[in-house]
Amino acid sequence: MTATDTELWDRAAAGDVDAFGALFSRHAPAVHAYCLRRTADPAAADDLTSIVFLETWRRRANVQIEPGALRAWLLGVAVNSLRGHWRSRRRHAAALARLRVETAAPDEIDRAAERLDAAARLREASDALAGLRREERDVLTLIAWGDLDYEGVALALGIPVGTVRSRLARARRRLREHPSLVSEEART
């Protein structure tokens, strides 16, 4: 019989490394997929997934997880880890700008046409997401990419379900109005 998340969590909280490994195996793909979708960078997603589970291991004895809520809690840790990631990237970019260090541009010759199209679509989507308030973006991405329901997002972010619904509605409205996501026919 397969152990539940709650059983594994209780064992991991008591120091059982194998139980924690089972939780990692069960939930790391979802955490990694969420981080990859938010960063569009496989290396950053790998690092962030590691950070999420290191933080989880560090806090295991002090956190009580409700039955069925571990994945939501892990994605909440991922949201916070991503905030730190973006903060670090902004600081790094600012430091480079102060040093006036020029970064090498990627070699466009080696890229295939599909990769260019995908990158353009990803930039448009990233721009649209960047236009959202952080709170709206967190709710939207947890629902769309974290595959959480309203209650799971509320648990992950520590906010009421009604707040999740209103933030999601605002995010959807703003995305519908974003110029790069509105079709040419809709603009005329």
N, C-alpha and C. Protein backbone atom coordinates (compact mmCIF):
# COMPACT_ATOMS: atom_id res chain seq x y z
N MET A 1 0.84 -1.18 0.00
CA MET A 1 0.00 0.00 0.00
C MET A 1 0.89 1.25 0.00
N THR A 2 0.53 2.20 -0.83
CA THR A 2 1.29 3.43 -0.94
C THR A 2 0.92 4.37 0.21
N ALA A 3 1.94 4.94 0.83
CA ALA A 3 1.72 5.86 1.94
C ALA A 3 1.15 7.18 1.42
N THR A 4 0.31 7.81 2.22
CA THR A 4 -0.25 9.10 1.86
C THR A 4 0.80 10.19 2.10
N ASP A 5 0.54 11.37 1.54
CA ASP A 5 1.43 12.50 1.79
C ASP A 5 1.52 12.79 3.28
N THR A 6 0.39 12.71 3.96
CA THR A 6 0.37 13.01 5.39
C THR A 6 1.25 12.03 6.17
N GLU A 7 1.14 10.75 5.83
CA GLU A 7 1.97 9.75 6.50
C GLU A 7 3.45 9.99 6.22
N LEU A 8 3.76 10.24 4.97
CA LEU A 8 5.16 10.51 4.61
C LEU A 8 5.67 11.78 5.26
N TRP A 9 4.83 12.81 5.31
CA TRP A 9 5.24 14.08 5.92
C TRP A 9 5.53 13.87 7.41
N ASP A 10 4.67 13.15 8.09
CA ASP A 10 4.89 12.89 9.51
C ASP A 10 6.20 12.15 9.73
N ARG A 11 6.48 11.18 8.89
CA ARG A 11 7.73 10.43 9.01
C ARG A 11 8.93 11.32 8.68
N ALA A 12 8.78 12.15 7.64
CA ALA A 12 9.88 13.06 7.27
C ALA A 12 10.13 14.08 8.38
N ALA A 13 9.06 14.57 9.00
CA ALA A 13 9.21 15.52 10.10
C ALA A 13 10.00 14.91 11.25
N ALA A 14 9.90 13.61 11.39
CA ALA A 14 10.64 12.91 12.44
C ALA A 14 12.06 12.57 11.99
N GLY A 15 12.43 12.95 10.76
CA GLY A 15 13.79 12.74 10.29
C GLY A 15 13.98 11.59 9.31
N ASP A 16 12.90 10.98 8.86
CA ASP A 16 13.00 9.85 7.93
C ASP A 16 13.33 10.37 6.52
N VAL A 17 14.58 10.18 6.12
CA VAL A 17 15.05 10.67 4.83
C VAL A 17 14.36 9.96 3.68
N ASP A 18 14.08 8.67 3.83
CA ASP A 18 13.41 7.93 2.76
C ASP A 18 11.99 8.44 2.53
N ALA A 19 11.30 8.79 3.60
CA ALA A 19 9.95 9.34 3.45
C ALA A 19 10.00 10.68 2.73
N PHE A 20 10.99 11.50 3.07
CA PHE A 20 11.13 12.78 2.38
C PHE A 20 11.48 12.55 0.91
N GLY A 21 12.32 11.56 0.64
CA GLY A 21 12.65 11.21 -0.74
C GLY A 21 11.42 10.80 -1.53
N ALA A 22 10.52 10.07 -0.88
CA ALA A 22 9.28 9.67 -1.55
C ALA A 22 8.42 10.89 -1.87
N LEU A 23 8.37 11.85 -0.93
CA LEU A 23 7.62 13.08 -1.18
C LEU A 23 8.26 13.88 -2.32
N PHE A 24 9.58 13.90 -2.33
CA PHE A 24 10.29 14.59 -3.41
C PHE A 24 9.94 13.95 -4.75
N SER A 25 10.03 12.64 -4.81
CA SER A 25 9.73 11.93 -6.07
C SER A 25 8.31 12.19 -6.52
N ARG A 26 7.41 12.28 -5.59
CA ARG A 26 5.99 12.47 -5.90
C ARG A 26 5.69 13.90 -6.36
N HIS A 27 6.33 14.90 -5.75
CA HIS A 27 5.93 16.29 -5.99
C HIS A 27 6.95 17.15 -6.75
N ALA A 28 8.18 16.69 -6.87
CA ALA A 28 9.19 17.49 -7.57
C ALA A 28 8.81 17.79 -9.03
N PRO A 29 8.23 16.83 -9.77
CA PRO A 29 7.86 17.18 -11.15
C PRO A 29 6.88 18.35 -11.25
N ALA A 30 5.91 18.42 -10.36
CA ALA A 30 4.94 19.53 -10.40
C ALA A 30 5.61 20.84 -10.01
N VAL A 31 6.47 20.81 -9.01
CA VAL A 31 7.19 22.02 -8.59
C VAL A 31 8.11 22.48 -9.72
N HIS A 32 8.83 21.54 -10.32
CA HIS A 32 9.75 21.89 -11.40
C HIS A 32 8.98 22.46 -12.59
N ALA A 33 7.87 21.85 -12.96
CA ALA A 33 7.08 22.33 -14.09
C ALA A 33 6.59 23.76 -13.82
N TYR A 34 6.14 24.02 -12.60
CA TYR A 34 5.67 25.36 -12.25
C TYR A 34 6.82 26.37 -12.37
N CYS A 35 7.98 26.03 -11.81
CA CYS A 35 9.13 26.93 -11.87
C CYS A 35 9.61 27.14 -13.31
N LEU A 36 9.58 26.09 -14.10
CA LEU A 36 9.99 26.21 -15.50
C LEU A 36 9.05 27.13 -16.27
N ARG A 37 7.78 26.99 -16.03
CA ARG A 37 6.82 27.86 -16.72
C ARG A 37 6.98 29.31 -16.30
N ARG A 38 7.31 29.54 -15.04
CA ARG A 38 7.47 30.92 -14.56
C ARG A 38 8.77 31.55 -15.03
N THR A 39 9.83 30.73 -15.22
CA THR A 39 11.13 31.30 -15.58
C THR A 39 11.50 31.10 -17.04
N ALA A 40 10.94 30.08 -17.68
CA ALA A 40 11.31 29.69 -19.05
C ALA A 40 12.81 29.40 -19.14
N ASP A 41 13.38 28.95 -18.04
CA ASP A 41 14.82 28.67 -17.97
C ASP A 41 15.01 27.34 -17.23
N PRO A 42 15.36 26.28 -17.96
CA PRO A 42 15.49 24.96 -17.31
C PRO A 42 16.49 24.94 -16.15
N ALA A 43 17.61 25.64 -16.29
CA ALA A 43 18.60 25.66 -15.21
C ALA A 43 18.05 26.37 -13.97
N ALA A 44 17.37 27.48 -14.19
CA ALA A 44 16.77 28.20 -13.06
C ALA A 44 15.68 27.35 -12.41
N ALA A 45 14.89 26.65 -13.22
CA ALA A 45 13.84 25.78 -12.67
C ALA A 45 14.45 24.66 -11.83
N ASP A 46 15.57 24.09 -12.30
CA ASP A 46 16.25 23.06 -11.51
C ASP A 46 16.70 23.63 -10.17
N ASP A 47 17.34 24.81 -10.21
CA ASP A 47 17.82 25.44 -8.99
C ASP A 47 16.67 25.76 -8.04
N LEU A 48 15.60 26.31 -8.58
CA LEU A 48 14.46 26.68 -7.75
C LEU A 48 13.79 25.46 -7.14
N THR A 49 13.70 24.38 -7.89
CA THR A 49 13.12 23.15 -7.34
C THR A 49 13.97 22.66 -6.17
N SER A 50 15.27 22.72 -6.32
CA SER A 50 16.17 22.34 -5.23
C SER A 50 15.96 23.24 -4.02
N ILE A 51 15.83 24.53 -4.25
CA ILE A 51 15.61 25.48 -3.16
C ILE A 51 14.32 25.17 -2.43
N VAL A 52 13.26 24.88 -3.19
CA VAL A 52 11.96 24.57 -2.57
C VAL A 52 12.09 23.37 -1.64
N PHE A 53 12.74 22.32 -2.12
CA PHE A 53 12.83 21.11 -1.29
C PHE A 53 13.85 21.24 -0.17
N LEU A 54 14.89 22.04 -0.36
CA LEU A 54 15.80 22.31 0.75
C LEU A 54 15.09 23.08 1.86
N GLU A 55 14.31 24.07 1.45
CA GLU A 55 13.54 24.85 2.44
C GLU A 55 12.50 23.97 3.12
N THR A 56 11.89 23.09 2.36
CA THR A 56 10.91 22.17 2.92
C THR A 56 11.57 21.25 3.94
N TRP A 57 12.72 20.72 3.61
CA TRP A 57 13.44 19.85 4.55
C TRP A 57 13.81 20.63 5.81
N ARG A 58 14.27 21.86 5.62
CA ARG A 58 14.68 22.69 6.76
C ARG A 58 13.50 22.98 7.69
N ARG A 59 12.32 23.17 7.13
CA ARG A 59 11.15 23.56 7.93
C ARG A 59 10.25 22.39 8.31
N ARG A 60 10.61 21.16 7.94
CA ARG A 60 9.73 20.01 8.08
C ARG A 60 9.22 19.78 9.49
N ALA A 61 10.04 20.02 10.50
CA ALA A 61 9.64 19.75 11.87
C ALA A 61 8.71 20.83 12.43
N ASN A 62 8.67 21.99 11.78
CA ASN A 62 7.90 23.12 12.32
C ASN A 62 6.61 23.41 11.57
N VAL A 63 6.34 22.66 10.52
CA VAL A 63 5.17 22.94 9.69
C VAL A 63 4.18 21.78 9.76
N GLN A 64 2.95 22.10 10.05
CA GLN A 64 1.88 21.10 10.02
C GLN A 64 1.16 21.24 8.67
N ILE A 65 1.10 20.16 7.94
CA ILE A 65 0.44 20.17 6.64
C ILE A 65 -0.91 19.49 6.77
N GLU A 66 -1.93 20.17 6.31
CA GLU A 66 -3.27 19.60 6.31
C GLU A 66 -3.33 18.43 5.32
N PRO A 67 -4.13 17.43 5.59
CA PRO A 67 -4.25 16.31 4.63
C PRO A 67 -4.63 16.81 3.23
N GLY A 68 -3.90 16.37 2.24
CA GLY A 68 -4.18 16.73 0.85
C GLY A 68 -3.66 18.10 0.44
N ALA A 69 -2.91 18.78 1.31
CA ALA A 69 -2.49 20.15 1.01
C ALA A 69 -0.99 20.29 0.78
N LEU A 70 -0.25 19.21 0.73
CA LEU A 70 1.20 19.33 0.61
C LEU A 70 1.62 19.98 -0.69
N ARG A 71 1.02 19.56 -1.81
CA ARG A 71 1.41 20.16 -3.09
C ARG A 71 1.15 21.65 -3.11
N ALA A 72 0.02 22.07 -2.58
CA ALA A 72 -0.29 23.50 -2.52
C ALA A 72 0.74 24.23 -1.66
N TRP A 73 1.11 23.63 -0.53
CA TRP A 73 2.10 24.24 0.34
C TRP A 73 3.45 24.34 -0.38
N LEU A 74 3.85 23.29 -1.08
CA LEU A 74 5.11 23.30 -1.82
C LEU A 74 5.10 24.38 -2.90
N LEU A 75 3.98 24.55 -3.59
CA LEU A 75 3.90 25.58 -4.62
C LEU A 75 3.91 26.97 -3.99
N GLY A 76 3.41 27.10 -2.77
CA GLY A 76 3.54 28.37 -2.05
C GLY A 76 5.00 28.68 -1.75
N VAL A 77 5.75 27.67 -1.37
CA VAL A 77 7.20 27.84 -1.16
C VAL A 77 7.86 28.21 -2.49
N ALA A 78 7.40 27.61 -3.58
CA ALA A 78 7.94 27.93 -4.90
C ALA A 78 7.68 29.39 -5.27
N VAL A 79 6.49 29.89 -4.96
CA VAL A 79 6.17 31.30 -5.24
C VAL A 79 7.16 32.20 -4.51
N ASN A 80 7.39 31.92 -3.24
CA ASN A 80 8.33 32.74 -2.48
C ASN A 80 9.76 32.60 -3.01
N SER A 81 10.14 31.41 -3.41
CA SER A 81 11.48 31.19 -3.98
C SER A 81 11.63 31.96 -5.30
N LEU A 82 10.57 31.97 -6.09
CA LEU A 82 10.61 32.73 -7.35
C LEU A 82 10.75 34.22 -7.09
N ARG A 83 10.09 34.73 -6.06
CA ARG A 83 10.24 36.15 -5.73
C ARG A 83 11.69 36.46 -5.42
N GLY A 84 12.34 35.60 -4.65
CA GLY A 84 13.76 35.78 -4.37
C GLY A 84 14.61 35.69 -5.63
N HIS A 85 14.25 34.77 -6.51
CA HIS A 85 14.96 34.61 -7.77
C HIS A 85 14.89 35.89 -8.60
N TRP A 86 13.69 36.45 -8.74
CA TRP A 86 13.53 37.66 -9.54
C TRP A 86 14.24 38.84 -8.89
N ARG A 87 14.17 38.93 -7.56
CA ARG A 87 14.90 39.99 -6.85
C ARG A 87 16.39 39.90 -7.13
N SER A 88 16.93 38.70 -7.06
CA SER A 88 18.34 38.48 -7.32
C SER A 88 18.71 38.86 -8.75
N ARG A 89 17.86 38.49 -9.70
CA ARG A 89 18.14 38.83 -11.10
C ARG A 89 18.12 40.34 -11.31
N ARG A 90 17.16 41.04 -10.65
CA ARG A 90 17.13 42.50 -10.78
C ARG A 90 18.39 43.12 -10.20
N ARG A 91 18.82 42.64 -9.04
CA ARG A 91 20.04 43.17 -8.42
C ARG A 91 21.25 42.91 -9.31
N HIS A 92 21.32 41.72 -9.88
CA HIS A 92 22.43 41.38 -10.75
C HIS A 92 22.45 42.29 -11.98
N ALA A 93 21.30 42.49 -12.59
CA ALA A 93 21.22 43.37 -13.76
C ALA A 93 21.60 44.80 -13.40
N ALA A 94 21.15 45.27 -12.23
CA ALA A 94 21.51 46.62 -11.80
C ALA A 94 23.01 46.73 -11.55
N ALA A 95 23.61 45.70 -10.97
CA ALA A 95 25.05 45.72 -10.73
C ALA A 95 25.81 45.75 -12.05
N LEU A 96 25.36 44.95 -13.02
CA LEU A 96 26.01 44.96 -14.33
C LEU A 96 25.87 46.33 -15.01
N ALA A 97 24.70 46.93 -14.84
CA ALA A 97 24.49 48.25 -15.44
C ALA A 97 25.42 49.28 -14.81
N ARG A 98 25.61 49.19 -13.49
CA ARG A 98 26.52 50.12 -12.82
C ARG A 98 27.97 49.91 -13.28
N LEU A 99 28.32 48.67 -13.55
CA LEU A 99 29.68 48.36 -14.00
C LEU A 99 29.86 48.58 -15.49
N ARG A 100 28.76 48.78 -16.17
CA ARG A 100 28.73 48.95 -17.62
C ARG A 100 29.39 47.76 -18.31
N VAL A 101 29.05 46.57 -17.81
CA VAL A 101 29.54 45.34 -18.41
C VAL A 101 28.57 44.95 -19.51
N GLU A 102 29.09 44.68 -20.67
CA GLU A 102 28.24 44.26 -21.76
C GLU A 102 28.14 42.75 -21.76
N THR A 103 26.92 42.28 -21.88
CA THR A 103 26.72 40.83 -21.93
C THR A 103 26.65 40.38 -23.38
N ALA A 104 27.10 39.20 -23.61
CA ALA A 104 27.09 38.66 -24.98
C ALA A 104 25.67 38.29 -25.37
N ALA A 105 25.29 38.66 -26.58
CA ALA A 105 23.97 38.30 -27.10
C ALA A 105 24.01 36.84 -27.57
N PRO A 106 22.92 36.13 -27.42
CA PRO A 106 22.92 34.75 -27.91
C PRO A 106 23.11 34.70 -29.43
N ASP A 107 23.74 33.67 -29.88
CA ASP A 107 24.01 33.51 -31.30
C ASP A 107 22.73 33.08 -32.02
N GLU A 108 22.10 34.04 -32.68
CA GLU A 108 20.80 33.80 -33.34
C GLU A 108 20.92 32.87 -34.53
N ILE A 109 22.11 32.76 -35.09
CA ILE A 109 22.30 31.92 -36.28
C ILE A 109 22.00 30.46 -35.97
N ASP A 110 22.33 30.03 -34.75
CA ASP A 110 22.17 28.62 -34.38
C ASP A 110 20.73 28.27 -33.99
N ARG A 111 19.88 29.23 -33.92
CA ARG A 111 18.50 28.96 -33.49
C ARG A 111 17.64 28.56 -34.67
N ALA A 112 16.78 27.61 -34.46
CA ALA A 112 15.84 27.17 -35.50
C ALA A 112 14.66 28.13 -35.54
N ALA A 113 13.95 28.15 -36.66
CA ALA A 113 12.81 29.04 -36.84
C ALA A 113 11.73 28.79 -35.80
N GLU A 114 11.50 27.52 -35.44
CA GLU A 114 10.48 27.24 -34.43
C GLU A 114 10.87 27.83 -33.08
N ARG A 115 12.15 27.78 -32.77
CA ARG A 115 12.62 28.32 -31.49
C ARG A 115 12.41 29.84 -31.44
N LEU A 116 12.63 30.51 -32.57
CA LEU A 116 12.41 31.95 -32.62
C LEU A 116 10.94 32.29 -32.42
N ASP A 117 10.08 31.55 -33.09
CA ASP A 117 8.65 31.78 -32.92
C ASP A 117 8.22 31.52 -31.49
N ALA A 118 8.71 30.44 -30.92
CA ALA A 118 8.36 30.11 -29.54
C ALA A 118 8.87 31.18 -28.58
N ALA A 119 10.08 31.67 -28.83
CA ALA A 119 10.65 32.71 -27.97
C ALA A 119 9.83 33.99 -28.06
N ALA A 120 9.38 34.33 -29.26
CA ALA A 120 8.56 35.53 -29.43
C ALA A 120 7.24 35.40 -28.69
N ARG A 121 6.61 34.23 -28.81
CA ARG A 121 5.35 34.01 -28.09
C ARG A 121 5.57 34.03 -26.58
N LEU A 122 6.68 33.46 -26.15
CA LEU A 122 6.99 33.45 -24.72
C LEU A 122 7.23 34.87 -24.21
N ARG A 123 7.92 35.69 -25.01
CA ARG A 123 8.14 37.09 -24.61
C ARG A 123 6.81 37.84 -24.51
N GLU A 124 5.94 37.61 -25.48
CA GLU A 124 4.64 38.27 -25.44
C GLU A 124 3.86 37.86 -24.19
N ALA A 125 3.88 36.58 -23.90
CA ALA A 125 3.19 36.10 -22.70
C ALA A 125 3.86 36.62 -21.44
N SER A 126 5.19 36.65 -21.43
CA SER A 126 5.92 37.17 -20.27
C SER A 126 5.62 38.65 -20.07
N ASP A 127 5.57 39.39 -21.18
CA ASP A 127 5.23 40.82 -21.08
C ASP A 127 3.83 41.00 -20.52
N ALA A 128 2.92 40.17 -21.00
CA ALA A 128 1.54 40.26 -20.51
C ALA A 128 1.50 39.94 -19.02
N LEU A 129 2.20 38.88 -18.60
CA LEU A 129 2.25 38.53 -17.18
C LEU A 129 2.94 39.61 -16.37
N ALA A 130 3.99 40.21 -16.91
CA ALA A 130 4.71 41.26 -16.20
C ALA A 130 3.82 42.48 -15.98
N GLY A 131 2.83 42.65 -16.83
CA GLY A 131 1.91 43.78 -16.68
C GLY A 131 0.90 43.60 -15.55
N LEU A 132 0.85 42.41 -15.01
CA LEU A 132 -0.06 42.15 -13.89
C LEU A 132 0.60 42.54 -12.58
N ARG A 133 -0.21 42.85 -11.59
CA ARG A 133 0.31 43.04 -10.24
C ARG A 133 0.82 41.69 -9.75
N ARG A 134 1.83 41.70 -8.92
CA ARG A 134 2.45 40.47 -8.43
C ARG A 134 1.42 39.53 -7.83
N GLU A 135 0.48 40.07 -7.05
CA GLU A 135 -0.53 39.24 -6.40
C GLU A 135 -1.42 38.55 -7.42
N GLU A 136 -1.76 39.27 -8.49
CA GLU A 136 -2.59 38.70 -9.55
C GLU A 136 -1.82 37.63 -10.31
N ARG A 137 -0.55 37.91 -10.60
CA ARG A 137 0.30 36.97 -11.33
C ARG A 137 0.47 35.67 -10.54
N ASP A 138 0.69 35.79 -9.23
CA ASP A 138 0.85 34.60 -8.40
C ASP A 138 -0.39 33.72 -8.44
N VAL A 139 -1.56 34.34 -8.31
CA VAL A 139 -2.81 33.57 -8.34
C VAL A 139 -3.00 32.91 -9.70
N LEU A 140 -2.83 33.68 -10.76
CA LEU A 140 -3.04 33.16 -12.11
C LEU A 140 -2.09 32.00 -12.41
N THR A 141 -0.82 32.15 -12.09
CA THR A 141 0.13 31.09 -12.43
C THR A 141 -0.05 29.86 -11.56
N LEU A 142 -0.46 30.02 -10.32
CA LEU A 142 -0.71 28.85 -9.49
C LEU A 142 -1.91 28.05 -10.01
N ILE A 143 -2.90 28.75 -10.53
CA ILE A 143 -4.06 28.04 -11.08
C ILE A 143 -3.71 27.44 -12.44
N ALA A 144 -3.09 28.23 -13.31
CA ALA A 144 -2.83 27.77 -14.68
C ALA A 144 -1.67 26.77 -14.74
N TRP A 145 -0.59 27.03 -14.04
CA TRP A 145 0.60 26.20 -14.15
C TRP A 145 0.83 25.32 -12.94
N GLY A 146 0.29 25.71 -11.81
CA GLY A 146 0.45 24.89 -10.61
C GLY A 146 -0.66 23.88 -10.48
N ASP A 147 -1.67 24.01 -11.34
CA ASP A 147 -2.80 23.09 -11.36
C ASP A 147 -3.49 23.00 -9.99
N LEU A 148 -3.60 24.15 -9.32
CA LEU A 148 -4.30 24.20 -8.04
C LEU A 148 -5.70 24.75 -8.25
N ASP A 149 -6.61 24.36 -7.37
CA ASP A 149 -7.94 24.96 -7.39
C ASP A 149 -7.89 26.21 -6.50
N TYR A 150 -9.04 26.90 -6.38
CA TYR A 150 -9.08 28.14 -5.60
C TYR A 150 -8.63 27.91 -4.16
N GLU A 151 -9.09 26.82 -3.57
CA GLU A 151 -8.75 26.53 -2.18
C GLU A 151 -7.25 26.25 -2.05
N GLY A 152 -6.68 25.55 -3.01
CA GLY A 152 -5.24 25.27 -2.98
C GLY A 152 -4.42 26.54 -3.10
N VAL A 153 -4.83 27.46 -3.98
CA VAL A 153 -4.13 28.74 -4.13
C VAL A 153 -4.26 29.55 -2.84
N ALA A 154 -5.45 29.55 -2.26
CA ALA A 154 -5.65 30.27 -1.00
C ALA A 154 -4.70 29.74 0.07
N LEU A 155 -4.58 28.43 0.14
CA LEU A 155 -3.68 27.81 1.11
C LEU A 155 -2.23 28.15 0.79
N ALA A 156 -1.84 28.06 -0.48
CA ALA A 156 -0.45 28.33 -0.88
C ALA A 156 -0.04 29.76 -0.57
N LEU A 157 -0.95 30.71 -0.75
CA LEU A 157 -0.62 32.12 -0.57
C LEU A 157 -1.06 32.68 0.78
N GLY A 158 -1.82 31.90 1.53
CA GLY A 158 -2.28 32.36 2.83
C GLY A 158 -3.29 33.49 2.74
N ILE A 159 -4.21 33.38 1.77
CA ILE A 159 -5.24 34.41 1.59
C ILE A 159 -6.60 33.73 1.50
N PRO A 160 -7.69 34.49 1.71
CA PRO A 160 -9.03 33.90 1.59
C PRO A 160 -9.36 33.50 0.15
N VAL A 161 -10.26 32.53 0.00
CA VAL A 161 -10.68 32.06 -1.31
C VAL A 161 -11.31 33.19 -2.12
N GLY A 162 -12.08 34.05 -1.48
CA GLY A 162 -12.69 35.18 -2.18
C GLY A 162 -11.65 36.11 -2.79
N THR A 163 -10.54 36.29 -2.11
CA THR A 163 -9.46 37.11 -2.63
C THR A 163 -8.83 36.44 -3.85
N VAL A 164 -8.71 35.13 -3.81
CA VAL A 164 -8.20 34.38 -4.97
C VAL A 164 -9.10 34.65 -6.17
N ARG A 165 -10.41 34.52 -5.96
CA ARG A 165 -11.35 34.72 -7.07
C ARG A 165 -11.27 36.13 -7.65
N SER A 166 -11.20 37.15 -6.78
CA SER A 166 -11.17 38.52 -7.28
C SER A 166 -9.85 38.83 -7.98
N ARG A 167 -8.73 38.33 -7.46
CA ARG A 167 -7.44 38.55 -8.12
C ARG A 167 -7.39 37.85 -9.47
N LEU A 168 -7.96 36.66 -9.54
CA LEU A 168 -7.99 35.94 -10.81
C LEU A 168 -8.85 36.67 -11.82
N ALA A 169 -9.98 37.19 -11.40
CA ALA A 169 -10.86 37.93 -12.31
C ALA A 169 -10.15 39.17 -12.85
N ARG A 170 -9.44 39.91 -11.96
CA ARG A 170 -8.70 41.09 -12.41
C ARG A 170 -7.59 40.70 -13.37
N ALA A 171 -6.88 39.62 -13.07
CA ALA A 171 -5.78 39.17 -13.95
C ALA A 171 -6.32 38.81 -15.32
N ARG A 172 -7.41 38.07 -15.37
CA ARG A 172 -7.99 37.69 -16.65
C ARG A 172 -8.42 38.91 -17.46
N ARG A 173 -9.04 39.87 -16.77
CA ARG A 173 -9.49 41.08 -17.45
C ARG A 173 -8.29 41.84 -18.03
N ARG A 174 -7.23 42.00 -17.24
CA ARG A 174 -6.05 42.72 -17.72
C ARG A 174 -5.37 41.98 -18.87
N LEU A 175 -5.35 40.65 -18.81
CA LEU A 175 -4.73 39.90 -19.91
C LEU A 175 -5.54 40.03 -21.19
N ARG A 176 -6.88 40.05 -21.06
CA ARG A 176 -7.72 40.22 -22.25
C ARG A 176 -7.47 41.58 -22.90
N GLU A 177 -7.07 42.57 -22.10
CA GLU A 177 -6.85 43.92 -22.61
C GLU A 177 -5.41 44.14 -23.09
N HIS A 178 -4.51 43.18 -22.85
CA HIS A 178 -3.10 43.36 -23.21
C HIS A 178 -2.95 43.38 -24.73
N PRO A 179 -2.27 44.40 -25.27
CA PRO A 179 -2.17 44.57 -26.73
C PRO A 179 -1.59 43.36 -27.46
N SER A 180 -0.60 42.70 -26.91
CA SER A 180 0.02 41.59 -27.63
C SER A 180 -0.85 40.34 -27.63
N LEU A 181 -1.86 40.30 -26.77
CA LEU A 181 -2.72 39.14 -26.70
C LEU A 181 -4.08 39.35 -27.35
N VAL A 182 -4.34 40.58 -27.78
CA VAL A 182 -5.61 40.90 -28.42
C VAL A 182 -5.41 40.73 -29.92
N SER A 183 -6.31 39.98 -30.56
CA SER A 183 -6.19 39.74 -32.01
C SER A 183 -6.43 41.04 -32.77
N GLU A 184 -5.91 41.07 -34.00
CA GLU A 184 -6.08 42.25 -34.85
C GLU A 184 -7.56 42.57 -35.08
N GLU A 185 -8.39 41.53 -35.26
CA GLU A 185 -9.82 41.74 -35.49
C GLU A 185 -10.48 42.41 -34.28
N ALA A 186 -10.03 42.04 -33.09
CA ALA A 186 -10.65 42.58 -31.89
C ALA A 186 -10.27 44.04 -31.69
N ARG A 187 -9.12 44.46 -32.22
CA ARG A 187 -8.68 45.85 -32.05
C ARG A 187 -9.45 46.80 -32.96
N THR A 188 -9.95 46.32 -34.09
CA THR A 188 -10.61 47.20 -35.04
C THR A 188 -12.09 47.29 -34.81
